[in-house]
Amino acid sequence: MSERAAPFFCPYCGDEDLRPNEQGHGAWECAACSRAFQLKFLGLLAPATSGNTPGREEI
């Protein structure tokens, strides 16, 4: 079984000093800004049925 990927930086302050949090799987804490957050995989998005997704501008 492979190890899960860890986040590289805090989503709030951008610092890289992250440590696993005792809340459980996917929970991390940032030593720089004293925030705790949790990462969770929600699933795969369905492929778009047309070339332009609603709400997105074509480049």
PDB file of N, CA and C in Angstrom:
ATOM      1  N   MET A   1       0.846  -1.180   0.000  1.00  0.00           N
ATOM      2  CA  MET A   1       0.000   0.000   0.000  1.00  0.00           C
ATOM      3  C   MET A   1       0.889   1.240   0.000  1.00  0.00           C
ATOM      4  N   SER A   2       0.586   2.209  -0.828  1.00  0.00           N
ATOM      5  CA  SER A   2       1.408   3.407  -0.917  1.00  0.00           C
ATOM      6  C   SER A   2       0.978   4.447   0.115  1.00  0.00           C
ATOM      7  N   GLU A   3       1.922   5.302   0.466  1.00  0.00           N
ATOM      8  CA  GLU A   3       1.655   6.361   1.428  1.00  0.00           C
ATOM      9  C   GLU A   3       0.910   7.503   0.750  1.00  0.00           C
ATOM     10  N   ARG A   4       0.013   8.149   1.470  1.00  0.00           N
ATOM     11  CA  ARG A   4      -0.744   9.282   0.930  1.00  0.00           C
ATOM     12  C   ARG A   4       0.166  10.491   0.772  1.00  0.00           C
ATOM     13  N   ALA A   5      -0.132  11.321  -0.192  1.00  0.00           N
ATOM     14  CA  ALA A   5       0.638  12.542  -0.408  1.00  0.00           C
ATOM     15  C   ALA A   5       0.306  13.567   0.671  1.00  0.00           C
ATOM     16  N   ALA A   6       1.294  14.287   1.098  1.00  0.00           N
ATOM     17  CA  ALA A   6       1.125  15.328   2.115  1.00  0.00           C
ATOM     18  C   ALA A   6       1.078  16.689   1.433  1.00  0.00           C
ATOM     19  N   PRO A   7       0.361  17.653   2.009  1.00  0.00           N
ATOM     20  CA  PRO A   7       0.354  19.000   1.421  1.00  0.00           C
ATOM     21  C   PRO A   7       1.741  19.634   1.544  1.00  0.00           C
ATOM     22  N   PHE A   8       2.091  20.473   0.583  1.00  0.00           N
ATOM     23  CA  PHE A   8       3.395  21.117   0.583  1.00  0.00           C
ATOM     24  C   PHE A   8       3.392  22.439   1.324  1.00  0.00           C
ATOM     25  N   PHE A   9       2.229  23.090   1.429  1.00  0.00           N
ATOM     26  CA  PHE A   9       2.169  24.389   2.091  1.00  0.00           C
ATOM     27  C   PHE A   9       0.793  24.617   2.687  1.00  0.00           C
ATOM     28  N   CYS A  10       0.717  25.537   3.641  1.00  0.00           N
ATOM     29  CA  CYS A  10      -0.543  25.881   4.302  1.00  0.00           C
ATOM     30  C   CYS A  10      -1.433  26.655   3.324  1.00  0.00           C
ATOM     31  N   PRO A  11      -2.711  26.281   3.188  1.00  0.00           N
ATOM     32  CA  PRO A  11      -3.598  26.997   2.267  1.00  0.00           C
ATOM     33  C   PRO A  11      -3.977  28.395   2.769  1.00  0.00           C
ATOM     34  N   TYR A  12      -3.675  28.717   4.010  1.00  0.00           N
ATOM     35  CA  TYR A  12      -4.020  30.023   4.572  1.00  0.00           C
ATOM     36  C   TYR A  12      -2.861  31.017   4.516  1.00  0.00           C
ATOM     37  N   CYS A  13      -1.650  30.589   4.919  1.00  0.00           N
ATOM     38  CA  CYS A  13      -0.533  31.535   4.968  1.00  0.00           C
ATOM     39  C   CYS A  13       0.588  31.189   3.996  1.00  0.00           C
ATOM     40  N   GLY A  14       0.574  29.975   3.448  1.00  0.00           N
ATOM     41  CA  GLY A  14       1.589  29.581   2.480  1.00  0.00           C
ATOM     42  C   GLY A  14       2.859  29.010   3.086  1.00  0.00           C
ATOM     43  N   ASP A  15       2.952  28.950   4.401  1.00  0.00           N
ATOM     44  CA  ASP A  15       4.149  28.438   5.045  1.00  0.00           C
ATOM     45  C   ASP A  15       4.256  26.922   4.838  1.00  0.00           C
ATOM     46  N   GLU A  16       5.470  26.395   4.927  1.00  0.00           N
ATOM     47  CA  GLU A  16       5.709  24.976   4.672  1.00  0.00           C
ATOM     48  C   GLU A  16       5.892  24.152   5.946  1.00  0.00           C
ATOM     49  N   ASP A  17       5.754  24.766   7.121  1.00  0.00           N
ATOM     50  CA  ASP A  17       5.959  24.063   8.388  1.00  0.00           C
ATOM     51  C   ASP A  17       4.659  23.391   8.826  1.00  0.00           C
ATOM     52  N   LEU A  18       4.325  22.276   8.176  1.00  0.00           N
ATOM     53  CA  LEU A  18       3.082  21.550   8.453  1.00  0.00           C
ATOM     54  C   LEU A  18       3.379  20.261   9.199  1.00  0.00           C
ATOM     55  N   ARG A  19       2.466  19.907  10.090  1.00  0.00           N
ATOM     56  CA  ARG A  19       2.589  18.675  10.863  1.00  0.00           C
ATOM     57  C   ARG A  19       1.240  17.986  10.912  1.00  0.00           C
ATOM     58  N   PRO A  20       1.239  16.648  10.950  1.00  0.00           N
ATOM     59  CA  PRO A  20      -0.039  15.936  11.068  1.00  0.00           C
ATOM     60  C   PRO A  20      -0.749  16.336  12.361  1.00  0.00           C
ATOM     61  N   ASN A  21      -2.061  16.485  12.298  1.00  0.00           N
ATOM     62  CA  ASN A  21      -2.869  16.853  13.450  1.00  0.00           C
ATOM     63  C   ASN A  21      -3.475  15.599  14.054  1.00  0.00           C
ATOM     64  N   GLU A  22      -3.707  15.611  15.344  1.00  0.00           N
ATOM     65  CA  GLU A  22      -4.238  14.434  16.031  1.00  0.00           C
ATOM     66  C   GLU A  22      -5.717  14.179  15.758  1.00  0.00           C
ATOM     67  N   GLN A  23      -6.388  15.058  14.986  1.00  0.00           N
ATOM     68  CA  GLN A  23      -7.806  14.876  14.667  1.00  0.00           C
ATOM     69  C   GLN A  23      -8.048  13.654  13.798  1.00  0.00           C
ATOM     70  N   GLY A  24      -7.020  13.202  13.094  1.00  0.00           N
ATOM     71  CA  GLY A  24      -7.195  11.992  12.301  1.00  0.00           C
ATOM     72  C   GLY A  24      -6.677  12.122  10.890  1.00  0.00           C
ATOM     73  N   HIS A  25      -7.141  11.213  10.041  1.00  0.00           N
ATOM     74  CA  HIS A  25      -6.673  11.109   8.657  1.00  0.00           C
ATOM     75  C   HIS A  25      -6.923  12.400   7.873  1.00  0.00           C
ATOM     76  N   GLY A  26      -5.886  12.927   7.248  1.00  0.00           N
ATOM     77  CA  GLY A  26      -6.022  14.111   6.410  1.00  0.00           C
ATOM     78  C   GLY A  26      -6.005  15.418   7.170  1.00  0.00           C
ATOM     79  N   ALA A  27      -5.807  15.395   8.489  1.00  0.00           N
ATOM     80  CA  ALA A  27      -5.794  16.621   9.290  1.00  0.00           C
ATOM     81  C   ALA A  27      -4.354  17.093   9.479  1.00  0.00           C
ATOM     82  N   TRP A  28      -4.151  18.390   9.266  1.00  0.00           N
ATOM     83  CA  TRP A  28      -2.822  18.993   9.356  1.00  0.00           C
ATOM     84  C   TRP A  28      -2.905  20.272  10.173  1.00  0.00           C
ATOM     85  N   GLU A  29      -1.767  20.667  10.751  1.00  0.00           N
ATOM     86  CA  GLU A  29      -1.695  21.940  11.451  1.00  0.00           C
ATOM     87  C   GLU A  29      -0.469  22.706  10.968  1.00  0.00           C
ATOM     88  N   CYS A  30      -0.613  24.017  10.923  1.00  0.00           N
ATOM     89  CA  CYS A  30       0.458  24.901  10.476  1.00  0.00           C
ATOM     90  C   CYS A  30       1.068  25.574  11.706  1.00  0.00           C
ATOM     91  N   ALA A  31       2.373  25.421  11.873  1.00  0.00           N
ATOM     92  CA  ALA A  31       3.053  26.013  13.017  1.00  0.00           C
ATOM     93  C   ALA A  31       3.188  27.528  12.862  1.00  0.00           C
ATOM     94  N   ALA A  32       3.153  28.039  11.638  1.00  0.00           N
ATOM     95  CA  ALA A  32       3.336  29.470  11.410  1.00  0.00           C
ATOM     96  C   ALA A  32       2.097  30.294  11.765  1.00  0.00           C
ATOM     97  N   CYS A  33       0.913  29.828  11.361  1.00  0.00           N
ATOM     98  CA  CYS A  33      -0.303  30.617  11.591  1.00  0.00           C
ATOM     99  C   CYS A  33      -1.243  29.990  12.609  1.00  0.00           C
ATOM    100  N   SER A  34      -0.837  28.843  13.186  1.00  0.00           N
ATOM    101  CA  SER A  34      -1.617  28.141  14.221  1.00  0.00           C
ATOM    102  C   SER A  34      -3.019  27.748  13.762  1.00  0.00           C
ATOM    103  N   ARG A  35      -3.149  27.412  12.485  1.00  0.00           N
ATOM    104  CA  ARG A  35      -4.431  26.935  11.962  1.00  0.00           C
ATOM    105  C   ARG A  35      -4.356  25.436  11.733  1.00  0.00           C
ATOM    106  N   ALA A  36      -5.484  24.795  11.885  1.00  0.00           N
ATOM    107  CA  ALA A  36      -5.597  23.370  11.569  1.00  0.00           C
ATOM    108  C   ALA A  36      -6.593  23.235  10.426  1.00  0.00           C
ATOM    109  N   PHE A  37      -6.312  22.327   9.518  1.00  0.00           N
ATOM    110  CA  PHE A  37      -7.203  22.112   8.378  1.00  0.00           C
ATOM    111  C   PHE A  37      -7.210  20.643   8.023  1.00  0.00           C
ATOM    112  N   GLN A  38      -8.203  20.244   7.241  1.00  0.00           N
ATOM    113  CA  GLN A  38      -8.335  18.853   6.848  1.00  0.00           C
ATOM    114  C   GLN A  38      -8.498  18.760   5.338  1.00  0.00           C
ATOM    115  N   LEU A  39      -7.798  17.823   4.742  1.00  0.00           N
ATOM    116  CA  LEU A  39      -7.893  17.570   3.308  1.00  0.00           C
ATOM    117  C   LEU A  39      -8.774  16.363   3.085  1.00  0.00           C
ATOM    118  N   LYS A  40      -9.639  16.458   2.088  1.00  0.00           N
ATOM    119  CA  LYS A  40     -10.541  15.348   1.805  1.00  0.00           C
ATOM    120  C   LYS A  40     -10.759  15.256   0.296  1.00  0.00           C
ATOM    121  N   PHE A  41     -10.605  14.071  -0.230  1.00  0.00           N
ATOM    122  CA  PHE A  41     -10.864  13.823  -1.640  1.00  0.00           C
ATOM    123  C   PHE A  41     -12.367  13.641  -1.827  1.00  0.00           C
ATOM    124  N   LEU A  42     -12.967  14.447  -2.682  1.00  0.00           N
ATOM    125  CA  LEU A  42     -14.408  14.395  -2.880  1.00  0.00           C
ATOM    126  C   LEU A  42     -14.829  13.477  -4.012  1.00  0.00           C
ATOM    127  N   GLY A  43     -13.970  13.263  -4.984  1.00  0.00           N
ATOM    128  CA  GLY A  43     -14.302  12.395  -6.103  1.00  0.00           C
ATOM    129  C   GLY A  43     -13.860  13.001  -7.414  1.00  0.00           C
ATOM    130  N   LEU A  44     -14.133  12.307  -8.478  1.00  0.00           N
ATOM    131  CA  LEU A  44     -13.779  12.778  -9.812  1.00  0.00           C
ATOM    132  C   LEU A  44     -14.940  13.543 -10.425  1.00  0.00           C
ATOM    133  N   LEU A  45     -14.623  14.565 -11.176  1.00  0.00           N
ATOM    134  CA  LEU A  45     -15.645  15.338 -11.866  1.00  0.00           C
ATOM    135  C   LEU A  45     -16.065  14.613 -13.139  1.00  0.00           C
ATOM    136  N   ALA A  46     -17.311  14.753 -13.496  1.00  0.00           N
ATOM    137  CA  ALA A  46     -17.809  14.163 -14.736  1.00  0.00           C
ATOM    138  C   ALA A  46     -17.250  14.952 -15.912  1.00  0.00           C
ATOM    139  N   PRO A  47     -16.918  14.286 -16.996  1.00  0.00           N
ATOM    140  CA  PRO A  47     -16.414  15.012 -18.169  1.00  0.00           C
ATOM    141  C   PRO A  47     -17.486  15.949 -18.728  1.00  0.00           C
ATOM    142  N   ALA A  48     -17.050  17.081 -19.225  1.00  0.00           N
ATOM    143  CA  ALA A  48     -17.977  18.057 -19.798  1.00  0.00           C
ATOM    144  C   ALA A  48     -18.603  17.497 -21.070  1.00  0.00           C
ATOM    145  N   THR A  49     -19.874  17.811 -21.294  1.00  0.00           N
ATOM    146  CA  THR A  49     -20.561  17.317 -22.486  1.00  0.00           C
ATOM    147  C   THR A  49     -20.354  18.233 -23.680  1.00  0.00           C
ATOM    148  N   SER A  50     -19.971  19.475 -23.430  1.00  0.00           N
ATOM    149  CA  SER A  50     -19.698  20.404 -24.524  1.00  0.00           C
ATOM    150  C   SER A  50     -18.292  20.968 -24.351  1.00  0.00           C
ATOM    151  N   GLY A  51     -17.834  21.690 -25.345  1.00  0.00           N
ATOM    152  CA  GLY A  51     -16.496  22.252 -25.299  1.00  0.00           C
ATOM    153  C   GLY A  51     -16.343  23.385 -24.305  1.00  0.00           C
ATOM    154  N   ASN A  52     -17.432  24.099 -23.992  1.00  0.00           N
ATOM    155  CA  ASN A  52     -17.339  25.237 -23.086  1.00  0.00           C
ATOM    156  C   ASN A  52     -18.181  24.957 -21.843  1.00  0.00           C
ATOM    157  N   THR A  53     -17.541  24.857 -20.698  1.00  0.00           N
ATOM    158  CA  THR A  53     -18.229  24.617 -19.431  1.00  0.00           C
ATOM    159  C   THR A  53     -18.937  25.890 -18.999  1.00  0.00           C
ATOM    160  N   PRO A  54     -20.201  25.828 -18.572  1.00  0.00           N
ATOM    161  CA  PRO A  54     -20.912  27.024 -18.117  1.00  0.00           C
ATOM    162  C   PRO A  54     -20.155  27.722 -16.986  1.00  0.00           C
ATOM    163  N   GLY A  55     -20.068  29.045 -17.089  1.00  0.00           N
ATOM    164  CA  GLY A  55     -19.382  29.815 -16.074  1.00  0.00           C
ATOM    165  C   GLY A  55     -17.913  30.025 -16.345  1.00  0.00           C
ATOM    166  N   ARG A  56     -17.414  29.402 -17.388  1.00  0.00           N
ATOM    167  CA  ARG A  56     -15.991  29.551 -17.745  1.00  0.00           C
ATOM    168  C   ARG A  56     -15.887  30.186 -19.112  1.00  0.00           C
ATOM    169  N   GLU A  57     -14.965  31.113 -19.226  1.00  0.00           N
ATOM    170  CA  GLU A  57     -14.762  31.790 -20.507  1.00  0.00           C
ATOM    171  C   GLU A  57     -13.800  30.978 -21.372  1.00  0.00           C
ATOM    172  N   GLU A  58     -14.014  31.011 -22.647  1.00  0.00           N
ATOM    173  CA  GLU A  58     -13.118  30.324 -23.566  1.00  0.00           C
ATOM    174  C   GLU A  58     -11.891  31.182 -23.777  1.00  0.00           C
ATOM    175  N   ILE A  59     -10.733  30.532 -23.785  1.00  0.00           N
ATOM    176  CA  ILE A  59      -9.467  31.276 -23.947  1.00  0.00           C
ATOM    177  C   ILE A  59      -9.103  31.358 -25.403  1.00  0.00           C
TER     178      ILE A  59
END
